Amino acid sequence: MDWTSIVVAVVTGGLAFLGVLVANRKTGALIAYRLEQLEAKVDKHNHFAERMPVVEEQIKVANHRIEDLERKVET
């Protein structure tokens, strides 16, 4: 075996390893960003789910008031 082929193999392996590390770091950053965006969407949805019972109760009250007004108009 020739020393130059060993050196070339070591250098190539080292550069490949560095490339994998850089790619891994970028992928991790992208995953973290997308996870943050997903968490924001879930939080927004949860706040909507908390407000729905309030809206339903307000609709129920409005329907009762409309029924009362309709009864007054009929009489």
Protein backbone atom coordinates (compact mmCIF):
# COMPACT_ATOMS: atom_id res chain seq x y z
CA MET A 1 0.00 0.00 0.00
CA ASP A 2 1.08 3.46 -0.80
CA TRP A 3 1.19 6.21 1.87
CA THR A 4 -0.47 8.68 -0.43
CA SER A 5 -3.55 6.48 -0.81
CA ILE A 6 -3.81 6.21 2.98
CA VAL A 7 -3.53 9.99 3.39
CA VAL A 8 -6.12 10.55 0.65
CA ALA A 9 -8.49 8.07 2.33
CA VAL A 10 -8.07 9.72 5.75
CA VAL A 11 -8.56 13.23 4.34
CA THR A 12 -11.61 12.12 2.34
CA GLY A 13 -13.08 10.38 5.38
CA GLY A 14 -12.48 13.44 7.54
CA LEU A 15 -14.10 15.78 5.04
CA ALA A 16 -17.05 13.43 4.65
CA PHE A 17 -17.44 13.34 8.44
CA LEU A 18 -17.37 17.17 8.60
CA GLY A 19 -19.98 17.32 5.83
CA VAL A 20 -22.24 14.99 7.77
CA LEU A 21 -21.84 17.09 10.92
CA VAL A 22 -22.71 20.33 9.11
CA ALA A 23 -25.73 18.75 7.39
CA ASN A 24 -26.88 17.26 10.69
CA ARG A 25 -26.65 20.63 12.42
CA LYS A 26 -28.68 22.36 9.69
CA THR A 27 -31.29 19.61 9.74
CA GLY A 28 -31.56 19.88 13.53
CA ALA A 29 -32.05 23.64 13.30
CA LEU A 30 -34.77 23.20 10.67
CA ILE A 31 -36.55 20.59 12.77
CA ALA A 32 -36.42 22.87 15.81
CA TYR A 33 -37.87 25.77 13.79
CA ARG A 34 -40.69 23.68 12.35
CA LEU A 35 -41.47 22.28 15.80
CA GLU A 36 -41.77 25.83 17.17
CA GLN A 37 -44.15 26.72 14.35
CA LEU A 38 -46.24 23.63 15.03
CA GLU A 39 -46.39 24.45 18.75
CA ALA A 40 -47.63 27.95 17.91
CA LYS A 41 -50.40 26.48 15.75
CA VAL A 42 -51.39 24.04 18.50
CA ASP A 43 -51.51 26.87 21.05
CA LYS A 44 -53.72 28.90 18.72
CA HIS A 45 -56.03 25.93 18.27
CA ASN A 46 -56.19 25.31 22.03
CA HIS A 47 -57.23 28.90 22.68
CA PHE A 48 -59.97 28.49 20.08
CA ALA A 49 -61.17 25.32 21.79
CA GLU A 50 -61.30 27.15 25.12
CA ARG A 51 -63.43 29.95 23.64
CA MET A 52 -65.98 27.73 21.91
CA PRO A 53 -68.05 26.91 25.03
CA VAL A 54 -68.33 30.65 25.72
CA VAL A 55 -69.55 31.28 22.17
CA GLU A 56 -72.02 28.41 22.41
CA GLU A 57 -73.45 29.84 25.62
CA GLN A 58 -73.78 33.29 24.03
CA ILE A 59 -75.62 31.76 21.05
CA LYS A 60 -77.95 29.94 23.41
CA VAL A 61 -78.76 33.19 25.21
CA ALA A 62 -79.28 35.02 21.92
CA ASN A 63 -81.65 32.29 20.70
CA HIS A 64 -83.71 32.59 23.89
CA ARG A 65 -83.91 36.36 23.46
CA ILE A 66 -85.00 35.96 19.83
CA GLU A 67 -87.69 33.47 20.88
CA ASP A 68 -88.94 35.90 23.55
CA LEU A 69 -89.09 38.73 21.01
CA GLU A 70 -90.93 36.52 18.50
CA ARG A 71 -93.51 35.62 21.17
CA LYS A 72 -94.02 39.32 21.96
CA VAL A 73 -94.53 40.14 18.27
CA GLU A 74 -97.07 37.31 17.84
CA THR A 75 -99.23 38.56 20.74
